[in-house]
Amino acid sequence: TITAVAEALGYTPGGVSQQIAALEKATGMELLRRVGRRVELTDAGTT
């Protein structure tokens, strides 16, 4: 979860979301899929 990542890295959940969004922009690929209130990695994200 984004919340667990934020706690582990000392970021806010919004900060983690921004990091992932910037990574998606850098790669030009969707790395996460929103599933309800949760997220899961796409195949590209897993790779």
ModelCIF file with pLDDT and N, C-alpha, C, O atoms, coordinates in Angstrom:
data_MODEL
#
_entry.id   MODEL 
#
_entity.id                         1 
_entity.type                       polymer 
_entity.pdbx_number_of_molecules   1 
#
_entity_poly.entity_id                      1 
_entity_poly.type                           'polypeptide(L)' 
_entity_poly.nstd_linkage                   no 
_entity_poly.nstd_monomer                   no 
_entity_poly.pdbx_seq_one_letter_code       TITAVAEALGYTPGGVSQQIAALEKATGMELLRRVGRRVELTDAGTT 
_entity_poly.pdbx_seq_one_letter_code_can   TITAVAEALGYTPGGVSQQIAALEKATGMELLRRVGRRVELTDAGTT 
_entity_poly.pdbx_strand_id                 A 
#
loop_
_entity_poly_seq.entity_id 
_entity_poly_seq.num 
_entity_poly_seq.mon_id 
_entity_poly_seq.hetero 
1 1  THR n 
1 2  ILE n 
1 3  THR n 
1 4  ALA n 
1 5  VAL n 
1 6  ALA n 
1 7  GLU n 
1 8  ALA n 
1 9  LEU n 
1 10 GLY n 
1 11 TYR n 
1 12 THR n 
1 13 PRO n 
1 14 GLY n 
1 15 GLY n 
1 16 VAL n 
1 17 SER n 
1 18 GLN n 
1 19 GLN n 
1 20 ILE n 
1 21 ALA n 
1 22 ALA n 
1 23 LEU n 
1 24 GLU n 
1 25 LYS n 
1 26 ALA n 
1 27 THR n 
1 28 GLY n 
1 29 MET n 
1 30 GLU n 
1 31 LEU n 
1 32 LEU n 
1 33 ARG n 
1 34 ARG n 
1 35 VAL n 
1 36 GLY n 
1 37 ARG n 
1 38 ARG n 
1 39 VAL n 
1 40 GLU n 
1 41 LEU n 
1 42 THR n 
1 43 ASP n 
1 44 ALA n 
1 45 GLY n 
1 46 THR n 
1 47 THR n 
#
_struct_asym.id          A 
_struct_asym.entity_id   1 
#
loop_
_ma_qa_metric.id 
_ma_qa_metric.mode 
_ma_qa_metric.name 
_ma_qa_metric.software_group_id 
_ma_qa_metric.type 
1 global pLDDT . pLDDT 
2 local  pLDDT . pLDDT 
#
_ma_qa_metric_global.metric_id      1 
_ma_qa_metric_global.metric_value   95.19 
_ma_qa_metric_global.model_id       1 
_ma_qa_metric_global.ordinal_id     1 
#
loop_
_ma_qa_metric_local.label_asym_id 
_ma_qa_metric_local.label_comp_id 
_ma_qa_metric_local.label_seq_id 
_ma_qa_metric_local.metric_id 
_ma_qa_metric_local.metric_value 
_ma_qa_metric_local.model_id 
_ma_qa_metric_local.ordinal_id 
A THR 1  2 94.00 1 1  
A ILE 2  2 95.00 1 2  
A THR 3  2 95.00 1 3  
A ALA 4  2 95.00 1 4  
A VAL 5  2 96.00 1 5  
A ALA 6  2 96.00 1 6  
A GLU 7  2 96.00 1 7  
A ALA 8  2 96.00 1 8  
A LEU 9  2 96.00 1 9  
A GLY 10 2 95.00 1 10 
A TYR 11 2 96.00 1 11 
A THR 12 2 96.00 1 12 
A PRO 13 2 96.00 1 13 
A GLY 14 2 96.00 1 14 
A GLY 15 2 97.00 1 15 
A VAL 16 2 96.00 1 16 
A SER 17 2 96.00 1 17 
A GLN 18 2 97.00 1 18 
A GLN 19 2 96.00 1 19 
A ILE 20 2 97.00 1 20 
A ALA 21 2 97.00 1 21 
A ALA 22 2 97.00 1 22 
A LEU 23 2 97.00 1 23 
A GLU 24 2 97.00 1 24 
A LYS 25 2 97.00 1 25 
A ALA 26 2 96.00 1 26 
A THR 27 2 96.00 1 27 
A GLY 28 2 96.00 1 28 
A MET 29 2 96.00 1 29 
A GLU 30 2 97.00 1 30 
A LEU 31 2 97.00 1 31 
A LEU 32 2 96.00 1 32 
A ARG 33 2 95.00 1 33 
A ARG 34 2 90.00 1 34 
A VAL 35 2 90.00 1 35 
A GLY 36 2 87.00 1 36 
A ARG 37 2 83.00 1 37 
A ARG 38 2 88.00 1 38 
A VAL 39 2 92.00 1 39 
A GLU 40 2 94.00 1 40 
A LEU 41 2 96.00 1 41 
A THR 42 2 97.00 1 42 
A ASP 43 2 98.00 1 43 
A ALA 44 2 97.00 1 44 
A GLY 45 2 97.00 1 45 
A THR 46 2 97.00 1 46 
A THR 47 2 97.00 1 47 
#
loop_
_atom_site.group_PDB 
_atom_site.id 
_atom_site.type_symbol 
_atom_site.label_atom_id 
_atom_site.label_alt_id 
_atom_site.label_comp_id 
_atom_site.label_asym_id 
_atom_site.label_entity_id 
_atom_site.label_seq_id 
_atom_site.pdbx_PDB_ins_code 
_atom_site.Cartn_x 
_atom_site.Cartn_y 
_atom_site.Cartn_z 
_atom_site.occupancy 
_atom_site.B_iso_or_equiv 
_atom_site.pdbx_formal_charge 
_atom_site.auth_seq_id 
_atom_site.auth_comp_id 
_atom_site.auth_asym_id 
_atom_site.auth_atom_id 
_atom_site.pdbx_PDB_model_num 
ATOM 1   N N  . THR A 1 1  ? 0.839   -1.204 0.000   1.00 94.00 ? 1  THR A N  1 
ATOM 2   C CA . THR A 1 1  ? 0.000   0.000  0.000   1.00 94.00 ? 1  THR A CA 1 
ATOM 3   C C  . THR A 1 1  ? 0.866   1.244  0.000   1.00 94.00 ? 1  THR A C  1 
ATOM 4   O O  . THR A 1 1  ? 1.991   1.241  0.500   1.00 94.00 ? 1  THR A O  1 
ATOM 5   N N  . ILE A 1 2  ? 0.325   2.296  -0.565  1.00 95.00 ? 2  ILE A N  1 
ATOM 6   C CA . ILE A 1 2  ? 1.014   3.592  -0.594  1.00 95.00 ? 2  ILE A CA 1 
ATOM 7   C C  . ILE A 1 2  ? 1.246   4.090  0.830   1.00 95.00 ? 2  ILE A C  1 
ATOM 8   O O  . ILE A 1 2  ? 2.303   4.646  1.130   1.00 95.00 ? 2  ILE A O  1 
ATOM 9   N N  . THR A 1 3  ? 0.270   3.895  1.699   1.00 95.00 ? 3  THR A N  1 
ATOM 10  C CA . THR A 1 3  ? 0.390   4.338  3.089   1.00 95.00 ? 3  THR A CA 1 
ATOM 11  C C  . THR A 1 3  ? 1.548   3.626  3.789   1.00 95.00 ? 3  THR A C  1 
ATOM 12  O O  . THR A 1 3  ? 2.326   4.256  4.506   1.00 95.00 ? 3  THR A O  1 
ATOM 13  N N  . ALA A 1 4  ? 1.658   2.320  3.580   1.00 95.00 ? 4  ALA A N  1 
ATOM 14  C CA . ALA A 1 4  ? 2.753   1.556  4.197   1.00 95.00 ? 4  ALA A CA 1 
ATOM 15  C C  . ALA A 1 4  ? 4.106   1.991  3.652   1.00 95.00 ? 4  ALA A C  1 
ATOM 16  O O  . ALA A 1 4  ? 5.083   2.067  4.397   1.00 95.00 ? 4  ALA A O  1 
ATOM 17  N N  . VAL A 1 5  ? 4.167   2.277  2.356   1.00 96.00 ? 5  VAL A N  1 
ATOM 18  C CA . VAL A 1 5  ? 5.412   2.759  1.754   1.00 96.00 ? 5  VAL A CA 1 
ATOM 19  C C  . VAL A 1 5  ? 5.787   4.110  2.363   1.00 96.00 ? 5  VAL A C  1 
ATOM 20  O O  . VAL A 1 5  ? 6.948   4.348  2.696   1.00 96.00 ? 5  VAL A O  1 
ATOM 21  N N  . ALA A 1 6  ? 4.800   4.985  2.504   1.00 96.00 ? 6  ALA A N  1 
ATOM 22  C CA . ALA A 1 6  ? 5.047   6.311  3.081   1.00 96.00 ? 6  ALA A CA 1 
ATOM 23  C C  . ALA A 1 6  ? 5.605   6.190  4.489   1.00 96.00 ? 6  ALA A C  1 
ATOM 24  O O  . ALA A 1 6  ? 6.559   6.883  4.842   1.00 96.00 ? 6  ALA A O  1 
ATOM 25  N N  . GLU A 1 7  ? 5.020   5.320  5.289   1.00 96.00 ? 7  GLU A N  1 
ATOM 26  C CA . GLU A 1 7  ? 5.511   5.127  6.656   1.00 96.00 ? 7  GLU A CA 1 
ATOM 27  C C  . GLU A 1 7  ? 6.931   4.581  6.659   1.00 96.00 ? 7  GLU A C  1 
ATOM 28  O O  . GLU A 1 7  ? 7.761   5.014  7.459   1.00 96.00 ? 7  GLU A O  1 
ATOM 29  N N  . ALA A 1 8  ? 7.215   3.634  5.772   1.00 96.00 ? 8  ALA A N  1 
ATOM 30  C CA . ALA A 1 8  ? 8.544   3.013  5.732   1.00 96.00 ? 8  ALA A CA 1 
ATOM 31  C C  . ALA A 1 8  ? 9.621   3.993  5.272   1.00 96.00 ? 8  ALA A C  1 
ATOM 32  O O  . ALA A 1 8  ? 10.747  3.957  5.769   1.00 96.00 ? 8  ALA A O  1 
ATOM 33  N N  . LEU A 1 9  ? 9.281   4.864  4.329   1.00 96.00 ? 9  LEU A N  1 
ATOM 34  C CA . LEU A 1 9  ? 10.289  5.765  3.760   1.00 96.00 ? 9  LEU A CA 1 
ATOM 35  C C  . LEU A 1 9  ? 10.289  7.153  4.394   1.00 96.00 ? 9  LEU A C  1 
ATOM 36  O O  . LEU A 1 9  ? 11.156  7.975  4.096   1.00 96.00 ? 9  LEU A O  1 
ATOM 37  N N  . GLY A 1 10 ? 9.318   7.412  5.265   1.00 95.00 ? 10 GLY A N  1 
ATOM 38  C CA . GLY A 1 10 ? 9.264   8.715  5.908   1.00 95.00 ? 10 GLY A CA 1 
ATOM 39  C C  . GLY A 1 10 ? 8.683   9.805  5.019   1.00 95.00 ? 10 GLY A C  1 
ATOM 40  O O  . GLY A 1 10 ? 8.997   10.983 5.189   1.00 95.00 ? 10 GLY A O  1 
ATOM 41  N N  . TYR A 1 11 ? 7.841   9.415  4.074   1.00 96.00 ? 11 TYR A N  1 
ATOM 42  C CA . TYR A 1 11 ? 7.155   10.358 3.197   1.00 96.00 ? 11 TYR A CA 1 
ATOM 43  C C  . TYR A 1 11 ? 5.688   10.439 3.604   1.00 96.00 ? 11 TYR A C  1 
ATOM 44  O O  . TYR A 1 11 ? 5.222   9.684  4.458   1.00 96.00 ? 11 TYR A O  1 
ATOM 45  N N  . THR A 1 12 ? 4.981   11.353 2.987   1.00 96.00 ? 12 THR A N  1 
ATOM 46  C CA . THR A 1 12 ? 3.526   11.355 3.095   1.00 96.00 ? 12 THR A CA 1 
ATOM 47  C C  . THR A 1 12 ? 2.991   10.441 1.989   1.00 96.00 ? 12 THR A C  1 
ATOM 48  O O  . THR A 1 12 ? 3.688   10.202 1.003   1.00 96.00 ? 12 THR A O  1 
ATOM 49  N N  . PRO A 1 13 ? 1.775   9.932  2.135   1.00 96.00 ? 13 PRO A N  1 
ATOM 50  C CA . PRO A 1 13 ? 1.208   9.140  1.036   1.00 96.00 ? 13 PRO A CA 1 
ATOM 51  C C  . PRO A 1 13 ? 1.162   9.933  -0.275  1.00 96.00 ? 13 PRO A C  1 
ATOM 52  O O  . PRO A 1 13 ? 1.387   9.376  -1.349  1.00 96.00 ? 13 PRO A O  1 
ATOM 53  N N  . GLY A 1 14 ? 0.870   11.237 -0.180  1.00 96.00 ? 14 GLY A N  1 
ATOM 54  C CA . GLY A 1 14 ? 0.873   12.073 -1.381  1.00 96.00 ? 14 GLY A CA 1 
ATOM 55  C C  . GLY A 1 14 ? 2.250   12.155 -2.013  1.00 96.00 ? 14 GLY A C  1 
ATOM 56  O O  . GLY A 1 14 ? 2.383   12.195 -3.236  1.00 96.00 ? 14 GLY A O  1 
ATOM 57  N N  . GLY A 1 15 ? 3.279   12.182 -1.168  1.00 97.00 ? 15 GLY A N  1 
ATOM 58  C CA . GLY A 1 15 ? 4.657   12.213 -1.671  1.00 97.00 ? 15 GLY A CA 1 
ATOM 59  C C  . GLY A 1 15 ? 5.003   10.941 -2.425  1.00 97.00 ? 15 GLY A C  1 
ATOM 60  O O  . GLY A 1 15 ? 5.642   10.993 -3.476  1.00 97.00 ? 15 GLY A O  1 
ATOM 61  N N  . VAL A 1 16 ? 4.585   9.801  -1.893  1.00 96.00 ? 16 VAL A N  1 
ATOM 62  C CA . VAL A 1 16 ? 4.835   8.516  -2.577  1.00 96.00 ? 16 VAL A CA 1 
ATOM 63  C C  . VAL A 1 16 ? 4.091   8.493  -3.900  1.00 96.00 ? 16 VAL A C  1 
ATOM 64  O O  . VAL A 1 16 ? 4.646   8.077  -4.917  1.00 96.00 ? 16 VAL A O  1 
ATOM 65  N N  . SER A 1 17 ? 2.829   8.937  -3.898  1.00 96.00 ? 17 SER A N  1 
ATOM 66  C CA . SER A 1 17 ? 2.048   8.983  -5.136  1.00 96.00 ? 17 SER A CA 1 
ATOM 67  C C  . SER A 1 17 ? 2.731   9.863  -6.175  1.00 96.00 ? 17 SER A C  1 
ATOM 68  O O  . SER A 1 17 ? 2.746   9.532  -7.360  1.00 96.00 ? 17 SER A O  1 
ATOM 69  N N  . GLN A 1 18 ? 3.299   10.986 -5.731  1.00 97.00 ? 18 GLN A N  1 
ATOM 70  C CA . GLN A 1 18 ? 4.012   11.864 -6.656  1.00 97.00 ? 18 GLN A CA 1 
ATOM 71  C C  . GLN A 1 18 ? 5.265   11.196 -7.212  1.00 97.00 ? 18 GLN A C  1 
ATOM 72  O O  . GLN A 1 18 ? 5.589   11.351 -8.389  1.00 97.00 ? 18 GLN A O  1 
ATOM 73  N N  . GLN A 1 19 ? 5.972   10.447 -6.353  1.00 96.00 ? 19 GLN A N  1 
ATOM 74  C CA . GLN A 1 19 ? 7.164   9.731  -6.812  1.00 96.00 ? 19 GLN A CA 1 
ATOM 75  C C  . GLN A 1 19 ? 6.793   8.722  -7.905  1.00 96.00 ? 19 GLN A C  1 
ATOM 76  O O  . GLN A 1 19 ? 7.462   8.629  -8.934  1.00 96.00 ? 19 GLN A O  1 
ATOM 77  N N  . ILE A 1 20 ? 5.721   7.973  -7.663  1.00 97.00 ? 20 ILE A N  1 
ATOM 78  C CA . ILE A 1 20 ? 5.285   6.962  -8.633  1.00 97.00 ? 20 ILE A CA 1 
ATOM 79  C C  . ILE A 1 20 ? 4.786   7.634  -9.912  1.00 97.00 ? 20 ILE A C  1 
ATOM 80  O O  . ILE A 1 20 ? 5.080   7.166  -11.012 1.00 97.00 ? 20 ILE A O  1 
ATOM 81  N N  . ALA A 1 21 ? 4.032   8.730  -9.777  1.00 97.00 ? 21 ALA A N  1 
ATOM 82  C CA . ALA A 1 21 ? 3.538   9.456  -10.955 1.00 97.00 ? 21 ALA A CA 1 
ATOM 83  C C  . ALA A 1 21 ? 4.700   9.984  -11.800 1.00 97.00 ? 21 ALA A C  1 
ATOM 84  O O  . ALA A 1 21 ? 4.659   9.922  -13.029 1.00 97.00 ? 21 ALA A O  1 
ATOM 85  N N  . ALA A 1 22 ? 5.730   10.502 -11.137 1.00 97.00 ? 22 ALA A N  1 
ATOM 86  C CA . ALA A 1 22 ? 6.905   10.993 -11.862 1.00 97.00 ? 22 ALA A CA 1 
ATOM 87  C C  . ALA A 1 22 ? 7.625   9.843  -12.560 1.00 97.00 ? 22 ALA A C  1 
ATOM 88  O O  . ALA A 1 22 ? 8.140   10.007 -13.665 1.00 97.00 ? 22 ALA A O  1 
ATOM 89  N N  . LEU A 1 23 ? 7.657   8.685  -11.914 1.00 97.00 ? 23 LEU A N  1 
ATOM 90  C CA . LEU A 1 23 ? 8.277   7.508  -12.516 1.00 97.00 ? 23 LEU A CA 1 
ATOM 91  C C  . LEU A 1 23 ? 7.477   7.048  -13.737 1.00 97.00 ? 23 LEU A C  1 
ATOM 92  O O  . LEU A 1 23 ? 8.055   6.658  -14.752 1.00 97.00 ? 23 LEU A O  1 
ATOM 93  N N  . GLU A 1 24 ? 6.161   7.094  -13.636 1.00 97.00 ? 24 GLU A N  1 
ATOM 94  C CA . GLU A 1 24 ? 5.320   6.748  -14.788 1.00 97.00 ? 24 GLU A CA 1 
ATOM 95  C C  . GLU A 1 24 ? 5.556   7.723  -15.939 1.00 97.00 ? 24 GLU A C  1 
ATOM 96  O O  . GLU A 1 24 ? 5.596   7.321  -17.101 1.00 97.00 ? 24 GLU A O  1 
ATOM 97  N N  . LYS A 1 25 ? 5.711   8.987  -15.615 1.00 97.00 ? 25 LYS A N  1 
ATOM 98  C CA . LYS A 1 25 ? 5.981   9.992  -16.651 1.00 97.00 ? 25 LYS A CA 1 
ATOM 99  C C  . LYS A 1 25 ? 7.344   9.735  -17.296 1.00 97.00 ? 25 LYS A C  1 
ATOM 100 O O  . LYS A 1 25 ? 7.486   9.823  -18.516 1.00 97.00 ? 25 LYS A O  1 
ATOM 101 N N  . ALA A 1 26 ? 8.338   9.418  -16.476 1.00 96.00 ? 26 ALA A N  1 
ATOM 102 C CA . ALA A 1 26 ? 9.686   9.161  -16.994 1.00 96.00 ? 26 ALA A CA 1 
ATOM 103 C C  . ALA A 1 26 ? 9.720   7.940  -17.913 1.00 96.00 ? 26 ALA A C  1 
ATOM 104 O O  . ALA A 1 26 ? 10.428  7.935  -18.919 1.00 96.00 ? 26 ALA A O  1 
ATOM 105 N N  . THR A 1 27 ? 8.955   6.911  -17.564 1.00 96.00 ? 27 THR A N  1 
ATOM 106 C CA . THR A 1 27 ? 8.948   5.691  -18.373 1.00 96.00 ? 27 THR A CA 1 
ATOM 107 C C  . THR A 1 27 ? 7.961   5.761  -19.524 1.00 96.00 ? 27 THR A C  1 
ATOM 108 O O  . THR A 1 27 ? 8.089   5.035  -20.510 1.00 96.00 ? 27 THR A O  1 
ATOM 109 N N  . GLY A 1 28 ? 6.972   6.642  -19.391 1.00 96.00 ? 28 GLY A N  1 
ATOM 110 C CA . GLY A 1 28 ? 5.930   6.713  -20.408 1.00 96.00 ? 28 GLY A CA 1 
ATOM 111 C C  . GLY A 1 28 ? 4.984   5.527  -20.348 1.00 96.00 ? 28 GLY A C  1 
ATOM 112 O O  . GLY A 1 28 ? 4.303   5.219  -21.327 1.00 96.00 ? 28 GLY A O  1 
ATOM 113 N N  . MET A 1 29 ? 4.940   4.859  -19.195 1.00 96.00 ? 29 MET A N  1 
ATOM 114 C CA . MET A 1 29 ? 4.107   3.670  -19.049 1.00 96.00 ? 29 MET A CA 1 
ATOM 115 C C  . MET A 1 29 ? 3.336   3.725  -17.730 1.00 96.00 ? 29 MET A C  1 
ATOM 116 O O  . MET A 1 29 ? 3.781   4.319  -16.748 1.00 96.00 ? 29 MET A O  1 
ATOM 117 N N  . GLU A 1 30 ? 2.180   3.093  -17.744 1.00 97.00 ? 30 GLU A N  1 
ATOM 118 C CA . GLU A 1 30 ? 1.408   2.964  -16.511 1.00 97.00 ? 30 GLU A CA 1 
ATOM 119 C C  . GLU A 1 30 ? 2.045   1.850  -15.679 1.00 97.00 ? 30 GLU A C  1 
ATOM 120 O O  . GLU A 1 30 ? 2.184   0.719  -16.144 1.00 97.00 ? 30 GLU A O  1 
ATOM 121 N N  . LEU A 1 31 ? 2.425   2.177  -14.457 1.00 97.00 ? 31 LEU A N  1 
ATOM 122 C CA . LEU A 1 31 ? 3.086   1.218  -13.581 1.00 97.00 ? 31 LEU A CA 1 
ATOM 123 C C  . LEU A 1 31 ? 2.146   0.671  -12.516 1.00 97.00 ? 31 LEU A C  1 
ATOM 124 O O  . LEU A 1 31 ? 2.368   -0.415 -11.981 1.00 97.00 ? 31 LEU A O  1 
ATOM 125 N N  . LEU A 1 32 ? 1.096   1.427  -12.212 1.00 96.00 ? 32 LEU A N  1 
ATOM 126 C CA . LEU A 1 32 ? 0.112   1.022  -11.208 1.00 96.00 ? 32 LEU A CA 1 
ATOM 127 C C  . LEU A 1 32 ? -1.276  1.010  -11.826 1.00 96.00 ? 32 LEU A C  1 
ATOM 128 O O  . LEU A 1 32 ? -1.589  1.767  -12.745 1.00 96.00 ? 32 LEU A O  1 
ATOM 129 N N  . ARG A 1 33 ? -2.080  0.132  -11.289 1.00 95.00 ? 33 ARG A N  1 
ATOM 130 C CA . ARG A 1 33 ? -3.491  0.057  -11.661 1.00 95.00 ? 33 ARG A CA 1 
ATOM 131 C C  . ARG A 1 33 ? -4.282  0.291  -10.391 1.00 95.00 ? 33 ARG A C  1 
ATOM 132 O O  . ARG A 1 33 ? -4.038  -0.358 -9.373  1.00 95.00 ? 33 ARG A O  1 
ATOM 133 N N  . ARG A 1 34 ? -5.232  1.218  -10.445 1.00 90.00 ? 34 ARG A N  1 
ATOM 134 C CA . ARG A 1 34 ? -6.064  1.484  -9.278  1.00 90.00 ? 34 ARG A CA 1 
ATOM 135 C C  . ARG A 1 34 ? -7.165  0.440  -9.215  1.00 90.00 ? 34 ARG A C  1 
ATOM 136 O O  . ARG A 1 34 ? -7.895  0.231  -10.184 1.00 90.00 ? 34 ARG A O  1 
ATOM 137 N N  . VAL A 1 35 ? -7.277  -0.207 -8.077  1.00 90.00 ? 35 VAL A N  1 
ATOM 138 C CA . VAL A 1 35 ? -8.308  -1.219 -7.849  1.00 90.00 ? 35 VAL A CA 1 
ATOM 139 C C  . VAL A 1 35 ? -9.052  -0.798 -6.590  1.00 90.00 ? 35 VAL A C  1 
ATOM 140 O O  . VAL A 1 35 ? -8.625  -1.082 -5.471  1.00 90.00 ? 35 VAL A O  1 
ATOM 141 N N  . GLY A 1 36 ? -10.173 -0.116 -6.795  1.00 87.00 ? 36 GLY A N  1 
ATOM 142 C CA . GLY A 1 36 ? -10.894 0.430  -5.645  1.00 87.00 ? 36 GLY A CA 1 
ATOM 143 C C  . GLY A 1 36 ? -10.036 1.466  -4.955  1.00 87.00 ? 36 GLY A C  1 
ATOM 144 O O  . GLY A 1 36 ? -9.584  2.427  -5.577  1.00 87.00 ? 36 GLY A O  1 
ATOM 145 N N  . ARG A 1 37 ? -9.812  1.267  -3.667  1.00 83.00 ? 37 ARG A N  1 
ATOM 146 C CA . ARG A 1 37 ? -8.962  2.201  -2.911  1.00 83.00 ? 37 ARG A CA 1 
ATOM 147 C C  . ARG A 1 37 ? -7.517  1.736  -2.858  1.00 83.00 ? 37 ARG A C  1 
ATOM 148 O O  . ARG A 1 37 ? -6.673  2.398  -2.254  1.00 83.00 ? 37 ARG A O  1 
ATOM 149 N N  . ARG A 1 38 ? -7.232  0.622  -3.476  1.00 88.00 ? 38 ARG A N  1 
ATOM 150 C CA . ARG A 1 38 ? -5.879  0.052  -3.460  1.00 88.00 ? 38 ARG A CA 1 
ATOM 151 C C  . ARG A 1 38 ? -5.234  0.198  -4.825  1.00 88.00 ? 38 ARG A C  1 
ATOM 152 O O  . ARG A 1 38 ? -5.881  0.604  -5.791  1.00 88.00 ? 38 ARG A O  1 
ATOM 153 N N  . VAL A 1 39 ? -3.966  -0.133 -4.898  1.00 92.00 ? 39 VAL A N  1 
ATOM 154 C CA . VAL A 1 39 ? -3.258  -0.141 -6.179  1.00 92.00 ? 39 VAL A CA 1 
ATOM 155 C C  . VAL A 1 39 ? -2.557  -1.479 -6.331  1.00 92.00 ? 39 VAL A C  1 
ATOM 156 O O  . VAL A 1 39 ? -2.228  -2.143 -5.348  1.00 92.00 ? 39 VAL A O  1 
ATOM 157 N N  . GLU A 1 40 ? -2.339  -1.857 -7.570  1.00 94.00 ? 40 GLU A N  1 
ATOM 158 C CA . GLU A 1 40 ? -1.511  -3.033 -7.854  1.00 94.00 ? 40 GLU A CA 1 
ATOM 159 C C  . GLU A 1 40 ? -0.627  -2.705 -9.035  1.00 94.00 ? 40 GLU A C  1 
ATOM 160 O O  . GLU A 1 40 ? -0.966  -1.864 -9.866  1.00 94.00 ? 40 GLU A O  1 
ATOM 161 N N  . LEU A 1 41 ? 0.501   -3.369 -9.103  1.00 96.00 ? 41 LEU A N  1 
ATOM 162 C CA . LEU A 1 41 ? 1.441   -3.101 -10.178 1.00 96.00 ? 41 LEU A CA 1 
ATOM 163 C C  . LEU A 1 41 ? 0.946   -3.720 -11.480 1.00 96.00 ? 41 LEU A C  1 
ATOM 164 O O  . LEU A 1 41 ? 0.389   -4.818 -11.497 1.00 96.00 ? 41 LEU A O  1 
ATOM 165 N N  . THR A 1 42 ? 1.163   -2.988 -12.563 1.00 97.00 ? 42 THR A N  1 
ATOM 166 C CA . THR A 1 42 ? 0.917   -3.541 -13.889 1.00 97.00 ? 42 THR A CA 1 
ATOM 167 C C  . THR A 1 42 ? 2.094   -4.452 -14.228 1.00 97.00 ? 42 THR A C  1 
ATOM 168 O O  . THR A 1 42 ? 3.050   -4.546 -13.458 1.00 97.00 ? 42 THR A O  1 
ATOM 169 N N  . ASP A 1 43 ? 2.026   -5.113 -15.365 1.00 98.00 ? 43 ASP A N  1 
ATOM 170 C CA . ASP A 1 43 ? 3.165   -5.941 -15.796 1.00 98.00 ? 43 ASP A CA 1 
ATOM 171 C C  . ASP A 1 43 ? 4.418   -5.084 -15.942 1.00 98.00 ? 43 ASP A C  1 
ATOM 172 O O  . ASP A 1 43 ? 5.512   -5.503 -15.563 1.00 98.00 ? 43 ASP A O  1 
ATOM 173 N N  . ALA A 1 44 ? 4.252   -3.877 -16.498 1.00 97.00 ? 44 ALA A N  1 
ATOM 174 C CA . ALA A 1 44 ? 5.398   -2.967 -16.641 1.00 97.00 ? 44 ALA A CA 1 
ATOM 175 C C  . ALA A 1 44 ? 5.940   -2.570 -15.266 1.00 97.00 ? 44 ALA A C  1 
ATOM 176 O O  . ALA A 1 44 ? 7.153   -2.482 -15.079 1.00 97.00 ? 44 ALA A O  1 
ATOM 177 N N  . GLY A 1 45 ? 5.054   -2.334 -14.317 1.00 97.00 ? 45 GLY A N  1 
ATOM 178 C CA . GLY A 1 45 ? 5.473   -1.980 -12.962 1.00 97.00 ? 45 GLY A CA 1 
ATOM 179 C C  . GLY A 1 45 ? 6.254   -3.099 -12.299 1.00 97.00 ? 45 GLY A C  1 
ATOM 180 O O  . GLY A 1 45 ? 7.263   -2.864 -11.634 1.00 97.00 ? 45 GLY A O  1 
ATOM 181 N N  . THR A 1 46 ? 5.770   -4.324 -12.490 1.00 97.00 ? 46 THR A N  1 
ATOM 182 C CA . THR A 1 46 ? 6.462   -5.487 -11.918 1.00 97.00 ? 46 THR A CA 1 
ATOM 183 C C  . THR A 1 46 ? 7.838   -5.658 -12.551 1.00 97.00 ? 46 THR A C  1 
ATOM 184 O O  . THR A 1 46 ? 8.814   -5.945 -11.858 1.00 97.00 ? 46 THR A O  1 
ATOM 185 N N  . THR A 1 47 ? 7.914   -5.483 -13.861 1.00 97.00 ? 47 THR A N  1 
ATOM 186 C CA . THR A 1 47 ? 9.193   -5.604 -14.564 1.00 97.00 ? 47 THR A CA 1 
ATOM 187 C C  . THR A 1 47 ? 10.178  -4.552 -14.078 1.00 97.00 ? 47 THR A C  1 
ATOM 188 O O  . THR A 1 47 ? 11.311  -4.499 -14.557 1.00 97.00 ? 47 THR A O  1 
#
